[in-house]
Amino acid sequence: MELDLAGAELKSVLNRLRRAQGQISGVIRMIEEGRDCEEVVTQLAAASRALDRAGFAIIATGLQQCLTDVEDARRNGEDRDAMRARLEKLFLSLA
């Protein structure tokens, strides 16, 4: 399944990923500086949430595309249960 995001959707996902990238850089810097554990964990949790939100945004905007891909695969003879398992695995990867 190829990802095809455009316009505002793409900008939103990229902004979330850049935010997470900055937060992860901050976590690394905090660890190198020997900062307080609670501060590090708080920043790490924020980075994790940003990554989760980016992943969910990709899935939400790509759901129609995924469904189309499933239908195309079905027409090409791919087992419906196998396609369902692929989609389930994709969704659970973010859980």
N, C-alpha and C. Protein backbone atom coordinates (compact mmCIF):
# COMPACT_ATOMS: atom_id res chain seq x y z
N MET A 1 0.84 -1.18 0.00
CA MET A 1 0.00 0.00 0.00
C MET A 1 0.88 1.23 0.00
N GLU A 2 0.75 2.03 -1.00
CA GLU A 2 1.53 3.26 -1.13
C GLU A 2 0.79 4.41 -0.47
N LEU A 3 1.52 5.25 0.27
CA LEU A 3 0.92 6.39 0.95
C LEU A 3 0.85 7.57 0.00
N ASP A 4 -0.32 8.18 -0.07
CA ASP A 4 -0.51 9.33 -0.96
C ASP A 4 -1.21 10.44 -0.20
N LEU A 5 -0.42 11.27 0.49
CA LEU A 5 -0.96 12.41 1.21
C LEU A 5 -0.72 13.66 0.38
N ALA A 6 -1.65 14.60 0.47
CA ALA A 6 -1.50 15.82 -0.31
C ALA A 6 -1.94 17.02 0.52
N GLY A 7 -1.44 18.17 0.13
CA GLY A 7 -1.89 19.44 0.68
C GLY A 7 -1.81 19.55 2.18
N ALA A 8 -2.94 19.92 2.80
CA ALA A 8 -3.01 20.18 4.23
C ALA A 8 -2.70 18.92 5.04
N GLU A 9 -3.12 17.76 4.53
CA GLU A 9 -2.86 16.51 5.25
C GLU A 9 -1.37 16.26 5.37
N LEU A 10 -0.67 16.44 4.26
CA LEU A 10 0.77 16.23 4.24
C LEU A 10 1.46 17.23 5.17
N LYS A 11 1.06 18.49 5.11
CA LYS A 11 1.66 19.52 5.95
C LYS A 11 1.46 19.20 7.42
N SER A 12 0.26 18.76 7.79
CA SER A 12 -0.04 18.43 9.17
C SER A 12 0.83 17.28 9.68
N VAL A 13 0.93 16.22 8.88
CA VAL A 13 1.74 15.07 9.28
C VAL A 13 3.21 15.47 9.41
N LEU A 14 3.71 16.21 8.44
CA LEU A 14 5.11 16.63 8.50
C LEU A 14 5.38 17.53 9.70
N ASN A 15 4.45 18.42 10.03
CA ASN A 15 4.61 19.28 11.21
C ASN A 15 4.67 18.45 12.48
N ARG A 16 3.82 17.46 12.59
CA ARG A 16 3.82 16.59 13.77
C ARG A 16 5.14 15.83 13.88
N LEU A 17 5.62 15.32 12.75
CA LEU A 17 6.88 14.59 12.76
C LEU A 17 8.06 15.49 13.10
N ARG A 18 8.05 16.71 12.58
CA ARG A 18 9.13 17.66 12.92
C ARG A 18 9.09 18.03 14.40
N ARG A 19 7.87 18.18 14.94
CA ARG A 19 7.73 18.48 16.36
C ARG A 19 8.32 17.32 17.18
N ALA A 20 8.00 16.10 16.81
CA ALA A 20 8.53 14.94 17.51
C ALA A 20 10.06 14.89 17.39
N GLN A 21 10.56 15.21 16.21
CA GLN A 21 12.00 15.21 16.00
C GLN A 21 12.68 16.21 16.94
N GLY A 22 12.10 17.39 17.06
CA GLY A 22 12.65 18.39 17.98
C GLY A 22 12.58 17.94 19.42
N GLN A 23 11.47 17.31 19.79
CA GLN A 23 11.33 16.82 21.16
C GLN A 23 12.34 15.71 21.46
N ILE A 24 12.57 14.83 20.51
CA ILE A 24 13.54 13.75 20.71
C ILE A 24 14.95 14.34 20.84
N SER A 25 15.26 15.34 20.03
CA SER A 25 16.56 16.02 20.16
C SER A 25 16.69 16.63 21.55
N GLY A 26 15.60 17.20 22.04
CA GLY A 26 15.59 17.76 23.39
C GLY A 26 15.81 16.70 24.45
N VAL A 27 15.21 15.54 24.28
CA VAL A 27 15.40 14.45 25.24
C VAL A 27 16.87 14.02 25.25
N ILE A 28 17.46 13.88 24.09
CA ILE A 28 18.87 13.48 24.01
C ILE A 28 19.74 14.51 24.73
N ARG A 29 19.49 15.77 24.45
CA ARG A 29 20.26 16.85 25.08
C ARG A 29 20.09 16.82 26.61
N MET A 30 18.84 16.61 27.05
CA MET A 30 18.57 16.57 28.49
C MET A 30 19.32 15.42 29.17
N ILE A 31 19.35 14.26 28.51
CA ILE A 31 20.07 13.11 29.07
C ILE A 31 21.56 13.40 29.13
N GLU A 32 22.10 13.98 28.06
CA GLU A 32 23.53 14.32 28.02
C GLU A 32 23.89 15.31 29.11
N GLU A 33 22.96 16.21 29.43
CA GLU A 33 23.19 17.23 30.46
C GLU A 33 22.92 16.72 31.87
N GLY A 34 22.41 15.49 31.97
CA GLY A 34 22.12 14.93 33.29
C GLY A 34 20.91 15.55 33.96
N ARG A 35 19.92 15.94 33.17
CA ARG A 35 18.73 16.59 33.72
C ARG A 35 17.89 15.64 34.55
N ASP A 36 16.99 16.20 35.29
CA ASP A 36 16.09 15.47 36.17
C ASP A 36 15.30 14.41 35.40
N CYS A 37 15.19 13.23 35.98
CA CYS A 37 14.51 12.11 35.34
C CYS A 37 13.06 12.46 34.98
N GLU A 38 12.36 13.11 35.87
CA GLU A 38 10.95 13.45 35.62
C GLU A 38 10.81 14.37 34.41
N GLU A 39 11.72 15.34 34.29
CA GLU A 39 11.69 16.23 33.12
C GLU A 39 11.94 15.46 31.83
N VAL A 40 12.89 14.53 31.87
CA VAL A 40 13.23 13.74 30.68
C VAL A 40 12.04 12.88 30.27
N VAL A 41 11.44 12.21 31.24
CA VAL A 41 10.30 11.34 30.94
C VAL A 41 9.12 12.15 30.41
N THR A 42 8.88 13.32 30.96
CA THR A 42 7.79 14.18 30.49
C THR A 42 8.01 14.57 29.04
N GLN A 43 9.23 14.94 28.70
CA GLN A 43 9.55 15.33 27.32
C GLN A 43 9.46 14.13 26.39
N LEU A 44 9.91 12.97 26.86
CA LEU A 44 9.84 11.75 26.06
C LEU A 44 8.38 11.36 25.80
N ALA A 45 7.52 11.52 26.78
CA ALA A 45 6.10 11.23 26.61
C ALA A 45 5.48 12.16 25.57
N ALA A 46 5.89 13.42 25.57
CA ALA A 46 5.38 14.38 24.59
C ALA A 46 5.81 13.97 23.17
N ALA A 47 7.05 13.52 23.03
CA ALA A 47 7.54 13.07 21.73
C ALA A 47 6.76 11.83 21.27
N SER A 48 6.51 10.94 22.18
CA SER A 48 5.75 9.73 21.85
C SER A 48 4.34 10.08 21.39
N ARG A 49 3.69 11.01 22.08
CA ARG A 49 2.34 11.44 21.66
C ARG A 49 2.36 12.07 20.28
N ALA A 50 3.38 12.87 20.01
CA ALA A 50 3.48 13.51 18.69
C ALA A 50 3.64 12.46 17.59
N LEU A 51 4.44 11.43 17.84
CA LEU A 51 4.60 10.36 16.86
C LEU A 51 3.30 9.58 16.68
N ASP A 52 2.63 9.29 17.79
CA ASP A 52 1.34 8.59 17.71
C ASP A 52 0.34 9.39 16.89
N ARG A 53 0.27 10.67 17.13
CA ARG A 53 -0.69 11.51 16.40
C ARG A 53 -0.36 11.56 14.92
N ALA A 54 0.92 11.60 14.59
CA ALA A 54 1.30 11.58 13.17
C ALA A 54 0.88 10.26 12.54
N GLY A 55 1.11 9.17 13.24
CA GLY A 55 0.72 7.86 12.72
C GLY A 55 -0.79 7.75 12.54
N PHE A 56 -1.54 8.23 13.51
CA PHE A 56 -2.99 8.19 13.40
C PHE A 56 -3.49 9.09 12.27
N ALA A 57 -2.83 10.22 12.09
CA ALA A 57 -3.22 11.12 10.99
C ALA A 57 -2.97 10.44 9.64
N ILE A 58 -1.86 9.74 9.53
CA ILE A 58 -1.56 9.02 8.29
C ILE A 58 -2.62 7.96 8.03
N ILE A 59 -2.96 7.22 9.06
CA ILE A 59 -3.98 6.18 8.90
C ILE A 59 -5.33 6.80 8.56
N ALA A 60 -5.70 7.87 9.26
CA ALA A 60 -7.00 8.49 9.02
C ALA A 60 -7.11 9.02 7.60
N THR A 61 -6.07 9.69 7.13
CA THR A 61 -6.13 10.26 5.79
C THR A 61 -5.93 9.20 4.71
N GLY A 62 -5.28 8.10 5.08
CA GLY A 62 -5.04 7.06 4.09
C GLY A 62 -6.05 5.92 4.13
N LEU A 63 -7.05 6.02 5.00
CA LEU A 63 -8.00 4.91 5.14
C LEU A 63 -8.72 4.62 3.83
N GLN A 64 -9.19 5.64 3.16
CA GLN A 64 -9.89 5.42 1.90
C GLN A 64 -8.97 4.75 0.89
N GLN A 65 -7.75 5.19 0.85
CA GLN A 65 -6.76 4.59 -0.05
C GLN A 65 -6.54 3.12 0.31
N CYS A 66 -6.45 2.83 1.61
CA CYS A 66 -6.28 1.45 2.05
C CYS A 66 -7.45 0.59 1.63
N LEU A 67 -8.65 1.12 1.77
CA LEU A 67 -9.83 0.37 1.39
C LEU A 67 -9.85 0.10 -0.11
N THR A 68 -9.43 1.09 -0.89
CA THR A 68 -9.34 0.90 -2.34
C THR A 68 -8.30 -0.17 -2.66
N ASP A 69 -7.17 -0.13 -1.96
CA ASP A 69 -6.13 -1.14 -2.17
C ASP A 69 -6.63 -2.54 -1.83
N VAL A 70 -7.43 -2.63 -0.77
CA VAL A 70 -8.01 -3.91 -0.38
C VAL A 70 -8.92 -4.44 -1.48
N GLU A 71 -9.74 -3.55 -2.01
CA GLU A 71 -10.67 -3.96 -3.08
C GLU A 71 -9.89 -4.39 -4.32
N ASP A 72 -8.84 -3.64 -4.67
CA ASP A 72 -8.01 -4.01 -5.82
C ASP A 72 -7.35 -5.37 -5.60
N ALA A 73 -6.85 -5.59 -4.39
CA ALA A 73 -6.20 -6.87 -4.09
C ALA A 73 -7.21 -8.01 -4.18
N ARG A 74 -8.42 -7.76 -3.70
CA ARG A 74 -9.46 -8.79 -3.77
C ARG A 74 -9.75 -9.15 -5.21
N ARG A 75 -9.85 -8.12 -6.06
CA ARG A 75 -10.10 -8.36 -7.48
C ARG A 75 -8.96 -9.14 -8.13
N ASN A 76 -7.76 -8.95 -7.62
CA ASN A 76 -6.59 -9.64 -8.16
C ASN A 76 -6.37 -11.01 -7.52
N GLY A 77 -7.33 -11.44 -6.72
CA GLY A 77 -7.28 -12.79 -6.18
C GLY A 77 -6.68 -12.93 -4.80
N GLU A 78 -6.29 -11.82 -4.18
CA GLU A 78 -5.72 -11.94 -2.84
C GLU A 78 -6.83 -12.27 -1.85
N ASP A 79 -6.54 -13.15 -0.96
CA ASP A 79 -7.48 -13.62 0.04
C ASP A 79 -7.97 -12.46 0.91
N ARG A 80 -9.29 -12.37 1.09
CA ARG A 80 -9.89 -11.29 1.90
C ARG A 80 -9.38 -11.35 3.34
N ASP A 81 -9.26 -12.54 3.88
CA ASP A 81 -8.77 -12.68 5.26
C ASP A 81 -7.32 -12.21 5.38
N ALA A 82 -6.52 -12.48 4.35
CA ALA A 82 -5.13 -12.04 4.36
C ALA A 82 -5.06 -10.51 4.33
N MET A 83 -5.93 -9.89 3.52
CA MET A 83 -5.95 -8.42 3.46
C MET A 83 -6.41 -7.84 4.79
N ARG A 84 -7.42 -8.45 5.38
CA ARG A 84 -7.91 -7.98 6.67
C ARG A 84 -6.79 -8.09 7.71
N ALA A 85 -6.05 -9.16 7.68
CA ALA A 85 -4.94 -9.35 8.62
C ALA A 85 -3.87 -8.28 8.41
N ARG A 86 -3.59 -7.95 7.14
CA ARG A 86 -2.61 -6.88 6.85
C ARG A 86 -3.05 -5.56 7.43
N LEU A 87 -4.33 -5.20 7.22
CA LEU A 87 -4.84 -3.93 7.75
C LEU A 87 -4.86 -3.94 9.27
N GLU A 88 -5.26 -5.05 9.85
CA GLU A 88 -5.29 -5.14 11.31
C GLU A 88 -3.89 -4.96 11.88
N LYS A 89 -2.91 -5.59 11.26
CA LYS A 89 -1.52 -5.46 11.70
C LYS A 89 -1.07 -3.99 11.62
N LEU A 90 -1.46 -3.32 10.54
CA LEU A 90 -1.11 -1.91 10.38
C LEU A 90 -1.68 -1.06 11.51
N PHE A 91 -2.96 -1.23 11.80
CA PHE A 91 -3.60 -0.46 12.86
C PHE A 91 -2.99 -0.79 14.23
N LEU A 92 -2.76 -2.06 14.49
CA LEU A 92 -2.23 -2.47 15.80
C LEU A 92 -0.78 -2.02 15.99
N SER A 93 -0.08 -1.76 14.91
CA SER A 93 1.31 -1.31 15.05
C SER A 93 1.40 0.02 15.78
N LEU A 94 0.30 0.77 15.79
CA LEU A 94 0.28 2.06 16.49
C LEU A 94 -0.30 1.95 17.90
N ALA A 95 -0.81 0.79 18.23
CA ALA A 95 -1.46 0.63 19.55
C ALA A 95 -0.43 0.50 20.66
